[in-house]
N, C-alpha and C. Protein backbone atom coordinates (compact mmCIF):
# COMPACT_ATOMS: atom_id res chain seq x y z
N ASP A 1 109.09 103.51 110.04
CA ASP A 1 109.07 104.74 110.76
C ASP A 1 109.08 104.49 112.33
N SER A 2 109.99 104.96 113.03
CA SER A 2 109.99 104.65 114.56
C SER A 2 108.96 105.24 115.20
N THR A 3 108.25 106.22 114.82
CA THR A 3 107.10 106.84 115.59
C THR A 3 105.77 106.13 115.14
N ALA A 4 105.78 105.30 114.20
CA ALA A 4 104.70 104.45 113.82
C ALA A 4 103.52 105.41 113.19
N ALA A 5 103.79 106.64 113.01
CA ALA A 5 102.79 107.50 112.59
C ALA A 5 103.16 108.39 111.29
N ARG A 6 104.34 108.08 110.71
CA ARG A 6 104.79 108.90 109.57
C ARG A 6 104.71 108.22 108.25
N GLY A 7 104.19 106.98 108.26
CA GLY A 7 104.00 106.24 107.00
C GLY A 7 104.98 105.02 106.92
N ILE A 8 104.74 104.35 105.74
CA ILE A 8 105.61 103.18 105.54
C ILE A 8 106.38 103.38 104.25
N PHE A 9 107.63 103.06 104.34
CA PHE A 9 108.56 103.32 103.16
C PHE A 9 109.12 102.04 102.56
N TYR A 10 109.54 102.23 101.31
CA TYR A 10 110.19 101.07 100.64
C TYR A 10 111.42 101.63 99.85
N SER A 11 112.26 100.71 99.47
CA SER A 11 113.46 101.04 98.66
C SER A 11 113.57 100.15 97.41
N GLU A 12 113.87 100.76 96.31
CA GLU A 12 114.04 99.98 95.02
C GLU A 12 115.55 99.84 94.83
N ASP A 13 116.37 100.49 95.62
CA ASP A 13 117.88 100.40 95.31
C ASP A 13 118.71 99.95 96.47
N LYS A 14 118.21 98.99 97.14
CA LYS A 14 118.90 98.26 98.40
C LYS A 14 119.19 99.29 99.48
N GLY A 15 118.24 100.36 99.60
CA GLY A 15 118.42 101.17 100.85
C GLY A 15 119.05 102.41 100.55
N ASP A 16 119.47 102.77 99.39
CA ASP A 16 120.20 104.11 99.23
C ASP A 16 119.23 105.14 99.19
N SER A 17 117.92 104.93 98.73
CA SER A 17 116.83 105.98 98.78
C SER A 17 115.56 105.32 99.13
N TRP A 18 114.62 106.05 99.78
CA TRP A 18 113.35 105.58 100.16
C TRP A 18 112.25 106.39 99.65
N LYS A 19 111.11 105.77 99.47
CA LYS A 19 109.80 106.39 99.04
C LYS A 19 108.72 105.84 99.97
N ALA A 20 107.76 106.62 100.21
CA ALA A 20 106.63 106.43 101.01
C ALA A 20 105.51 105.70 100.11
N TYR A 21 104.96 104.57 100.80
CA TYR A 21 103.70 104.03 100.15
C TYR A 21 102.62 105.08 100.26
N THR A 22 101.77 105.13 99.36
CA THR A 22 100.61 106.15 99.38
C THR A 22 99.40 105.40 99.85
N GLY A 23 98.35 106.01 100.35
CA GLY A 23 97.10 105.54 100.64
C GLY A 23 96.78 105.40 102.13
N LEU A 24 97.86 105.48 103.03
CA LEU A 24 97.66 105.44 104.34
C LEU A 24 97.16 106.84 104.92
N PRO A 25 96.09 106.93 105.73
CA PRO A 25 95.58 108.17 106.18
C PRO A 25 96.78 108.83 106.93
N ALA A 26 96.84 110.25 106.80
CA ALA A 26 97.76 111.01 107.47
C ALA A 26 97.64 110.87 109.04
N GLY A 27 98.83 110.65 109.62
CA GLY A 27 98.96 110.39 111.13
C GLY A 27 98.49 109.09 111.60
N ALA A 28 98.17 108.14 110.73
CA ALA A 28 97.76 106.71 111.02
C ALA A 28 98.83 106.12 111.80
N GLN A 29 98.62 105.55 112.94
CA GLN A 29 99.61 104.80 113.73
C GLN A 29 99.63 103.38 113.36
N VAL A 30 100.74 102.92 112.79
CA VAL A 30 101.05 101.59 112.26
C VAL A 30 101.44 100.78 113.53
N LEU A 31 100.76 99.76 113.74
CA LEU A 31 101.00 98.82 114.90
C LEU A 31 101.68 97.50 114.51
N CYS A 32 101.33 97.02 113.40
CA CYS A 32 101.92 95.70 112.83
C CYS A 32 101.84 95.69 111.32
N MET A 33 102.77 94.88 110.80
CA MET A 33 102.74 94.47 109.40
C MET A 33 102.99 92.96 109.19
N HIS A 34 102.52 92.37 108.17
CA HIS A 34 102.82 91.04 107.88
C HIS A 34 102.86 90.65 106.43
N SER A 35 103.76 90.03 105.84
CA SER A 35 103.78 89.60 104.63
C SER A 35 102.97 88.35 104.44
N VAL A 36 101.93 88.29 103.54
CA VAL A 36 101.13 87.13 103.40
C VAL A 36 101.52 86.25 102.32
N PHE A 37 102.20 85.20 102.67
CA PHE A 37 102.64 84.15 101.61
C PHE A 37 103.31 84.73 100.51
N GLY A 38 104.03 85.90 100.66
CA GLY A 38 104.75 86.48 99.61
C GLY A 38 103.91 87.04 98.61
N GLN A 39 102.67 87.30 98.87
CA GLN A 39 101.65 87.77 97.79
C GLN A 39 101.16 89.23 98.09
N SER A 40 101.13 89.52 99.26
CA SER A 40 100.80 90.92 99.63
C SER A 40 101.36 91.30 101.00
N LEU A 41 101.09 92.60 101.42
CA LEU A 41 101.63 93.05 102.68
C LEU A 41 100.49 93.67 103.30
N LEU A 42 100.13 93.15 104.51
CA LEU A 42 99.03 93.73 105.38
C LEU A 42 99.64 94.72 106.44
N VAL A 43 98.96 95.84 106.65
CA VAL A 43 99.39 96.83 107.65
C VAL A 43 98.19 97.07 108.55
N GLY A 44 98.36 96.81 109.96
CA GLY A 44 97.56 97.01 110.83
C GLY A 44 97.74 98.35 111.56
N THR A 45 96.62 99.04 111.88
CA THR A 45 96.66 100.46 112.37
C THR A 45 95.89 100.52 113.73
N ALA A 46 96.10 101.51 114.36
CA ALA A 46 95.21 101.91 115.53
C ALA A 46 94.08 102.70 115.07
N ASN A 47 92.89 102.38 115.14
CA ASN A 47 91.59 103.02 114.95
C ASN A 47 91.36 103.28 113.41
N ASN A 48 92.21 102.82 112.62
CA ASN A 48 91.99 103.02 111.07
C ASN A 48 91.83 101.69 110.36
N GLY A 49 91.87 100.59 111.09
CA GLY A 49 91.68 99.30 110.46
C GLY A 49 92.91 98.77 109.75
N LEU A 50 92.62 98.00 108.82
CA LEU A 50 93.65 97.32 107.97
C LEU A 50 93.90 97.81 106.57
N PHE A 51 95.15 97.78 106.18
CA PHE A 51 95.54 98.25 104.72
C PHE A 51 96.32 97.15 104.17
N ARG A 52 96.15 96.99 102.76
CA ARG A 52 96.71 95.98 102.03
C ARG A 52 97.52 96.49 100.89
N ILE A 53 98.69 96.00 100.65
CA ILE A 53 99.48 96.35 99.56
C ILE A 53 99.61 95.18 98.68
N ALA A 54 99.09 95.06 97.46
CA ALA A 54 99.17 93.90 96.60
C ALA A 54 100.65 93.82 95.98
N LEU A 55 100.99 92.68 95.59
CA LEU A 55 102.29 92.43 95.00
C LEU A 55 102.65 93.45 93.77
N ASN A 56 103.80 94.06 93.83
CA ASN A 56 104.20 95.02 92.79
C ASN A 56 103.38 96.22 92.71
N SER A 57 102.72 96.64 93.85
CA SER A 57 102.08 97.88 93.97
C SER A 57 102.71 98.71 94.95
N THR A 58 102.52 100.05 94.93
CA THR A 58 102.96 100.94 95.94
C THR A 58 101.80 101.74 96.64
N ILE A 59 100.60 101.23 96.52
CA ILE A 59 99.47 101.95 96.99
C ILE A 59 98.84 101.14 98.04
N LEU A 60 98.64 101.60 99.27
CA LEU A 60 98.02 100.94 100.41
C LEU A 60 96.44 101.20 100.20
N GLU A 61 95.76 100.05 100.30
CA GLU A 61 94.28 100.03 100.03
C GLU A 61 93.58 99.69 101.25
N PRO A 62 92.59 100.12 101.72
CA PRO A 62 91.75 99.60 102.88
C PRO A 62 91.46 98.20 102.62
N SER A 63 91.48 97.38 103.58
CA SER A 63 91.08 95.92 103.45
C SER A 63 90.21 95.66 104.59
N ASN A 64 89.15 96.26 104.79
CA ASN A 64 88.28 96.13 105.88
C ASN A 64 86.86 95.53 105.80
N GLN A 65 86.77 94.78 104.56
CA GLN A 65 85.50 94.22 104.43
C GLN A 65 85.22 93.03 105.38
N GLY A 66 84.17 93.32 106.27
CA GLY A 66 83.94 92.19 107.24
C GLY A 66 84.44 92.72 108.66
N LEU A 67 85.38 93.70 108.73
CA LEU A 67 85.87 94.09 110.02
C LEU A 67 84.94 95.18 110.57
N ASP A 68 85.00 95.23 111.92
CA ASP A 68 84.22 96.42 112.56
C ASP A 68 84.99 97.75 112.16
N GLN A 69 84.19 98.81 111.80
CA GLN A 69 84.70 100.13 111.56
C GLN A 69 85.58 100.69 112.66
N GLY A 70 86.74 101.19 112.33
CA GLY A 70 87.65 101.68 113.28
C GLY A 70 88.34 100.74 114.14
N ALA A 71 88.44 99.48 113.69
CA ALA A 71 89.20 98.51 114.48
C ALA A 71 90.64 98.84 114.72
N THR A 72 91.19 98.45 115.86
CA THR A 72 92.63 98.57 116.19
C THR A 72 93.25 97.10 115.85
N ILE A 73 94.09 97.08 114.90
CA ILE A 73 94.82 95.79 114.59
C ILE A 73 95.94 95.67 115.38
N ARG A 74 95.97 94.61 116.32
CA ARG A 74 97.04 94.55 117.20
C ARG A 74 98.18 93.39 116.79
N GLY A 75 97.67 92.55 115.90
CA GLY A 75 98.61 91.53 115.46
C GLY A 75 98.00 90.75 114.23
N ILE A 76 98.96 90.26 113.36
CA ILE A 76 98.64 89.59 112.07
C ILE A 76 99.41 88.17 112.03
N ALA A 77 98.80 87.09 111.64
CA ALA A 77 99.44 85.95 111.48
C ALA A 77 98.88 85.17 110.34
N SER A 78 99.66 84.32 109.70
CA SER A 78 99.10 83.50 108.62
C SER A 78 99.62 82.09 108.79
N LYS A 79 98.79 81.21 108.27
CA LYS A 79 98.90 79.69 108.36
C LYS A 79 98.44 78.97 107.18
N SER A 80 99.18 78.04 106.71
CA SER A 80 98.92 77.32 105.57
C SER A 80 98.53 75.98 105.97
N ASN A 81 97.25 75.53 105.71
CA ASN A 81 96.86 74.03 106.00
C ASN A 81 96.90 73.18 104.71
N LEU A 82 97.63 72.04 104.85
CA LEU A 82 97.66 71.05 103.76
C LEU A 82 96.80 69.89 104.19
N TYR A 83 95.72 69.43 103.34
CA TYR A 83 94.91 68.44 103.66
C TYR A 83 95.30 67.16 102.91
N LYS A 84 94.75 65.96 103.46
CA LYS A 84 95.11 64.64 102.80
C LYS A 84 94.86 64.55 101.32
N ASN A 85 93.84 65.40 100.83
CA ASN A 85 93.53 65.46 99.38
C ASN A 85 94.39 66.46 98.60
N ASP A 86 95.47 66.93 99.29
CA ASP A 86 96.35 67.83 98.51
C ASP A 86 95.78 69.27 98.52
N ARG A 87 94.81 69.47 99.08
CA ARG A 87 94.12 70.76 99.07
C ARG A 87 94.84 71.72 100.01
N ILE A 88 95.22 72.87 99.57
CA ILE A 88 95.85 73.91 100.54
C ILE A 88 94.99 75.01 100.77
N VAL A 89 94.81 75.28 102.13
CA VAL A 89 94.07 76.53 102.38
C VAL A 89 94.95 77.39 103.20
N GLN A 90 95.16 78.68 102.68
CA GLN A 90 95.87 79.54 103.32
C GLN A 90 94.96 80.70 104.07
N LEU A 91 95.20 80.61 105.47
CA LEU A 91 94.48 81.50 106.37
C LEU A 91 95.34 82.63 106.93
N VAL A 92 94.60 83.77 107.19
CA VAL A 92 95.22 84.91 107.78
C VAL A 92 94.43 85.34 108.92
N TYR A 93 95.08 85.60 110.06
CA TYR A 93 94.27 85.86 111.26
C TYR A 93 94.68 87.37 111.75
N LEU A 94 93.70 88.11 112.34
CA LEU A 94 93.84 89.40 112.94
C LEU A 94 93.43 89.38 114.35
N ALA A 95 94.36 89.87 115.28
CA ALA A 95 93.95 90.13 116.64
C ALA A 95 93.56 91.67 116.76
N THR A 96 92.39 91.94 117.06
CA THR A 96 91.88 93.20 117.12
C THR A 96 91.19 93.59 118.41
N ASP A 97 90.86 94.91 118.63
CA ASP A 97 90.20 95.23 119.84
C ASP A 97 88.75 94.85 119.81
N LYS A 98 88.15 94.36 118.54
CA LYS A 98 86.85 93.85 118.42
C LYS A 98 86.78 92.50 118.30
N GLY A 99 87.89 91.69 118.27
CA GLY A 99 87.83 90.33 118.21
C GLY A 99 88.90 89.55 117.30
N LEU A 100 88.84 88.39 117.26
CA LEU A 100 89.67 87.55 116.28
C LEU A 100 89.06 87.40 115.02
N TYR A 101 89.62 87.79 113.83
CA TYR A 101 89.23 87.66 112.55
C TYR A 101 89.96 86.75 111.75
N ARG A 102 89.39 86.08 110.67
CA ARG A 102 89.90 85.12 109.84
C ARG A 102 89.70 85.46 108.35
N SER A 103 90.67 85.34 107.52
CA SER A 103 90.46 85.60 105.98
C SER A 103 91.02 84.31 105.41
N GLN A 104 90.23 83.94 104.21
CA GLN A 104 90.59 82.79 103.36
C GLN A 104 91.06 83.39 102.05
N ASP A 105 90.98 84.67 101.80
CA ASP A 105 91.47 85.18 100.48
C ASP A 105 92.58 86.30 100.63
N LEU A 106 93.60 85.97 101.48
CA LEU A 106 94.86 86.76 101.52
C LEU A 106 94.63 88.11 102.11
N GLY A 107 93.48 88.10 102.93
CA GLY A 107 93.22 89.48 103.66
C GLY A 107 92.36 90.50 102.93
N VAL A 108 91.61 89.93 101.88
CA VAL A 108 90.68 90.88 101.18
C VAL A 108 89.37 91.02 101.98
N THR A 109 88.80 90.03 102.46
CA THR A 109 87.62 89.97 103.32
C THR A 109 87.84 89.08 104.48
N TRP A 110 87.04 89.61 105.51
CA TRP A 110 87.27 89.00 106.86
C TRP A 110 85.90 88.41 107.60
N PHE A 111 86.12 87.46 108.32
CA PHE A 111 85.13 86.71 109.16
C PHE A 111 85.32 86.91 110.63
N LEU A 112 84.50 87.39 111.39
CA LEU A 112 84.69 87.38 112.82
C LEU A 112 84.77 85.91 113.42
N ALA A 113 85.78 85.42 113.92
CA ALA A 113 86.00 84.05 114.35
C ALA A 113 85.51 83.98 115.93
N LYS A 114 85.99 85.16 116.57
CA LYS A 114 85.74 85.14 117.99
C LYS A 114 85.67 86.58 118.56
N PRO A 115 84.50 86.99 119.05
CA PRO A 115 84.38 88.50 119.44
C PRO A 115 85.05 88.56 120.87
N ASP A 116 85.87 89.47 121.07
CA ASP A 116 86.61 89.68 122.37
C ASP A 116 87.53 90.92 122.04
N ASN A 117 88.27 91.21 123.10
CA ASN A 117 89.35 92.28 122.99
C ASN A 117 90.64 91.53 122.96
N SER A 118 91.03 91.21 121.62
CA SER A 118 92.25 90.32 121.50
C SER A 118 93.51 91.16 121.50
N ALA A 119 94.44 90.56 122.23
CA ALA A 119 95.83 91.22 122.26
C ALA A 119 96.78 90.11 121.73
N LEU A 120 97.87 90.76 121.07
CA LEU A 120 99.00 89.81 120.60
C LEU A 120 99.85 89.48 121.75
N ILE A 121 100.10 88.15 121.97
CA ILE A 121 100.87 87.73 123.02
C ILE A 121 101.99 86.84 122.43
N TYR A 122 103.22 87.29 122.78
CA TYR A 122 104.46 86.51 122.19
C TYR A 122 104.85 85.42 123.21
């Protein structure tokens, strides 16, 4: 949605028709989205925090455990670390107006890594 406030839509027929995901608060302004390792979709909003869509679901669920209430999510990024012992750690980062957050469980829970007013810089 070009206004960023009318919802998020998906198509099951290559774009011939569209349906809205449910669960996003009415009028919530969507600022960013990120597919996390092909397993879920994270949706960042202004003042409504973060929402998550699990694989094969059409329901947006709040995913704010560990985030400051009412956070504005400005950017989402993910990184996969491979260690010498073949251990793989998948990390997700959020740039918010409350600080930089990190998740190690695909965006279900969050840890404040650095408190500040983070902005996404390209």
